[in-house]
Amino acid sequence: MVALSLAVYDHTHSALAVAALLFAGQALPAFAVPAIIARVEASRRGRELSSLYLFEAVATASLAVLLWHFWLPAILLLVALDGSAALAASGLLRAAVARVARDRVEDASEPSPEGGQPGWDNADRRDARLEERAEDAARNANAALNLASLRSSRAARCSSICAPTSRTPMVTRCARACRRP
């Protein structure tokens, strides 16, 4: 988004155009995403998440082409659509990961035909423990996504900031800090 903002400013020399870009990329998607997610979750095809990621790729490639043939209204529209797709895909991915984690816990906790799980006195306690374990699994899955996202964004930041063009002490310290987990 920073590079796109710089490109828009470079072409327009207008802070208002950059503000419009940021609004289109960050604020407008917040209004469209609930409708997108509701529609995708109502669908039963099962390929919607992949379609959203494909749409994001096409929108990003189109943005690159539009920067060569600059036209601000088209860029704003594509940024709004791309931001909506990205936000919806992120929400749907988190929901799918949590759903799979819950399903795995529930599948692993099915009572055996020989009389059920040992140590459970009745069905209510079993259901409460199962629900608690399923919630923990969903929470752990989302925590793993957060950690992966943090590490990937940190690696991208560090690679762009700490690109060692020289061996000065500052660059070396920065590169060493970026390699730390």
Protein backbone atom coordinates (compact mmCIF):
# COMPACT_ATOMS: atom_id res chain seq x y z
CA MET A 1 0.00 0.00 0.00
CA VAL A 2 2.92 2.32 0.69
CA ALA A 3 4.39 1.83 -2.78
CA LEU A 4 0.99 2.37 -4.36
CA SER A 5 0.50 5.54 -2.32
CA LEU A 6 3.88 6.83 -3.48
CA ALA A 7 3.04 6.03 -7.10
CA VAL A 8 -0.29 7.84 -6.86
CA TYR A 9 1.36 10.87 -5.30
CA ASP A 10 4.11 10.78 -7.92
CA HIS A 11 1.52 10.87 -10.74
CA THR A 12 -0.94 13.32 -9.19
CA HIS A 13 1.11 15.41 -6.73
CA SER A 14 -2.06 15.48 -4.64
CA ALA A 15 -2.41 14.48 -1.01
CA LEU A 16 -6.16 14.23 -1.60
CA ALA A 17 -5.59 11.51 -4.21
CA VAL A 18 -3.47 9.58 -1.72
CA ALA A 19 -6.16 10.01 0.94
CA ALA A 20 -8.74 8.70 -1.54
CA LEU A 21 -6.51 5.71 -2.24
CA LEU A 22 -6.16 4.91 1.47
CA PHE A 23 -9.90 5.34 1.98
CA ALA A 24 -10.65 3.05 -0.97
CA GLY A 25 -8.18 0.42 0.19
CA GLN A 26 -8.90 0.38 3.91
CA ALA A 27 -12.25 1.97 4.80
CA LEU A 28 -14.52 0.99 1.91
CA PRO A 29 -13.72 -2.73 2.19
CA ALA A 30 -14.95 -2.70 5.78
CA PHE A 31 -18.44 -1.91 4.49
CA ALA A 32 -18.42 -4.49 1.68
CA VAL A 33 -16.82 -7.45 3.46
CA PRO A 34 -19.79 -8.55 5.62
CA ALA A 35 -21.94 -8.91 2.51
CA ILE A 36 -19.18 -10.80 0.67
CA ILE A 37 -18.61 -13.19 3.57
CA ALA A 38 -22.35 -13.81 4.00
CA ARG A 39 -22.70 -14.62 0.32
CA VAL A 40 -19.66 -16.91 0.29
CA GLU A 41 -20.72 -18.77 3.42
CA ALA A 42 -24.22 -19.29 1.97
CA SER A 43 -22.70 -20.88 -1.13
CA ARG A 44 -22.06 -24.61 -1.09
CA ARG A 45 -19.51 -24.84 -3.91
CA GLY A 46 -16.44 -24.87 -1.66
CA ARG A 47 -14.06 -23.05 -4.01
CA GLU A 48 -14.84 -19.50 -2.97
CA LEU A 49 -11.67 -18.91 -0.96
CA SER A 50 -9.53 -19.94 -3.91
CA SER A 51 -11.59 -17.69 -6.16
CA LEU A 52 -11.03 -14.74 -3.83
CA TYR A 53 -7.27 -15.32 -3.87
CA LEU A 54 -7.32 -15.62 -7.67
CA PHE A 55 -9.28 -12.37 -7.87
CA GLU A 56 -6.70 -10.68 -5.63
CA ALA A 57 -3.90 -11.82 -7.94
CA VAL A 58 -5.71 -10.52 -11.03
CA ALA A 59 -6.49 -7.21 -9.29
CA THR A 60 -2.86 -6.78 -8.25
CA ALA A 61 -1.63 -7.48 -11.79
CA SER A 62 -4.20 -5.02 -13.13
CA LEU A 63 -2.99 -2.40 -10.67
CA ALA A 64 0.55 -2.86 -11.94
CA VAL A 65 -0.64 -2.31 -15.52
CA LEU A 66 -2.70 0.72 -14.49
CA LEU A 67 0.34 2.33 -12.91
CA TRP A 68 1.96 2.36 -16.35
CA HIS A 69 -1.21 3.78 -17.92
CA PHE A 70 -2.26 5.87 -14.96
CA TRP A 71 -5.97 6.49 -14.46
CA LEU A 72 -6.91 7.32 -10.86
CA PRO A 73 -10.62 6.29 -10.91
CA ALA A 74 -9.75 2.79 -12.14
CA ILE A 75 -6.96 2.48 -9.58
CA LEU A 76 -9.32 3.50 -6.77
CA LEU A 77 -11.91 0.98 -7.91
CA LEU A 78 -9.38 -1.84 -8.16
CA VAL A 79 -7.88 -0.99 -4.77
CA ALA A 80 -11.34 -1.07 -3.18
CA LEU A 81 -12.16 -4.41 -4.82
CA ASP A 82 -8.77 -5.88 -3.95
CA GLY A 83 -9.02 -4.69 -0.35
CA SER A 84 -12.50 -6.18 -0.03
CA ALA A 85 -11.34 -9.51 -1.45
CA ALA A 86 -8.28 -9.57 0.81
CA LEU A 87 -10.25 -8.80 3.95
CA ALA A 88 -12.96 -11.32 3.10
CA ALA A 89 -10.39 -14.01 2.26
CA SER A 90 -8.61 -13.39 5.55
CA GLY A 91 -11.83 -13.74 7.53
CA LEU A 92 -12.90 -16.84 5.61
CA LEU A 93 -9.46 -18.43 6.02
CA ARG A 94 -9.57 -17.90 9.77
CA ALA A 95 -13.08 -19.36 9.95
CA ALA A 96 -12.05 -22.38 7.87
CA VAL A 97 -8.96 -23.04 9.98
CA ALA A 98 -10.99 -22.79 13.19
CA ARG A 99 -13.68 -25.09 11.73
CA VAL A 100 -11.10 -27.73 10.75
CA ALA A 101 -9.48 -27.56 14.19
CA ARG A 102 -12.87 -28.01 15.88
CA ASP A 103 -13.78 -30.90 13.56
CA ARG A 104 -10.52 -32.69 14.29
CA VAL A 105 -11.09 -32.43 18.04
CA GLU A 106 -14.66 -33.66 17.68
CA ASP A 107 -13.61 -36.54 15.40
CA ALA A 108 -10.87 -37.58 17.82
CA SER A 109 -13.31 -37.46 20.73
CA GLU A 110 -15.99 -39.73 19.28
CA PRO A 111 -16.88 -42.34 21.87
CA SER A 112 -15.73 -45.84 21.10
CA PRO A 113 -18.36 -48.53 20.55
CA GLU A 114 -17.14 -50.36 23.67
CA GLY A 115 -18.68 -47.88 26.03
CA GLY A 116 -17.34 -44.40 25.46
CA GLN A 117 -14.39 -42.42 26.68
CA PRO A 118 -13.01 -43.42 30.07
CA GLY A 119 -13.30 -40.86 32.84
CA TRP A 120 -16.49 -39.15 31.65
CA ASP A 121 -19.40 -39.57 34.04
CA ASN A 122 -22.23 -38.42 31.84
CA ALA A 123 -23.03 -36.94 28.47
CA ASP A 124 -23.33 -33.35 29.75
CA ARG A 125 -19.81 -33.31 31.18
CA ARG A 126 -18.50 -34.98 28.03
CA ASP A 127 -20.16 -32.33 25.86
CA ALA A 128 -18.80 -29.51 28.02
CA ARG A 129 -15.26 -30.88 27.86
CA LEU A 130 -15.53 -31.50 24.14
CA GLU A 131 -16.76 -27.95 23.56
CA GLU A 132 -13.92 -26.57 25.67
CA ARG A 133 -11.33 -28.60 23.78
CA ALA A 134 -12.84 -27.55 20.45
CA GLU A 135 -12.71 -23.87 21.45
CA ASP A 136 -9.09 -24.29 22.56
CA ALA A 137 -8.23 -25.91 19.22
CA ALA A 138 -9.86 -23.07 17.28
CA ARG A 139 -8.08 -20.47 19.42
CA ASN A 140 -4.72 -22.24 18.95
CA ALA A 141 -5.26 -22.45 15.19
CA ASN A 142 -5.95 -18.71 14.99
CA ALA A 143 -2.91 -18.02 17.18
CA ALA A 144 -0.79 -20.03 14.73
CA LEU A 145 -2.16 -17.91 11.86
CA ASN A 146 -1.33 -14.74 13.79
CA LEU A 147 2.21 -15.95 14.40
CA ALA A 148 2.70 -16.93 10.75
CA SER A 149 1.39 -13.55 9.63
CA LEU A 150 3.63 -11.72 12.07
CA ARG A 151 6.70 -13.65 10.98
CA SER A 152 6.03 -13.16 7.27
CA SER A 153 5.42 -9.43 7.64
CA ARG A 154 8.49 -9.10 9.85
CA ALA A 155 10.59 -10.96 7.29
CA ALA A 156 9.33 -8.71 4.50
CA ARG A 157 10.01 -5.58 6.54
CA CYS A 158 13.46 -6.75 7.50
CA SER A 159 14.41 -7.77 3.98
CA SER A 160 13.45 -4.38 2.61
CA ILE A 161 14.91 -2.33 5.48
CA CYS A 162 17.98 -4.36 6.26
CA ALA A 163 19.15 -5.20 2.76
CA PRO A 164 22.87 -5.25 3.43
CA THR A 165 24.39 -2.99 0.80
CA SER A 166 27.33 -2.35 3.05
CA ARG A 167 28.76 -3.88 6.20
CA THR A 168 28.22 -0.94 8.50
CA PRO A 169 27.52 -1.74 12.15
CA MET A 170 23.92 -0.50 11.85
CA VAL A 171 23.12 -2.75 8.89
CA THR A 172 24.75 -5.72 10.61
CA ARG A 173 22.78 -5.12 13.84
CA CYS A 174 19.54 -4.71 11.90
CA ALA A 175 20.13 -7.90 9.91
CA ARG A 176 20.93 -9.80 13.11
CA ALA A 177 17.72 -8.51 14.76
CA CYS A 178 15.66 -9.59 11.77
CA ARG A 179 16.94 -13.16 11.95
CA ARG A 180 15.86 -13.53 15.60
CA PRO A 181 12.62 -15.51 16.08
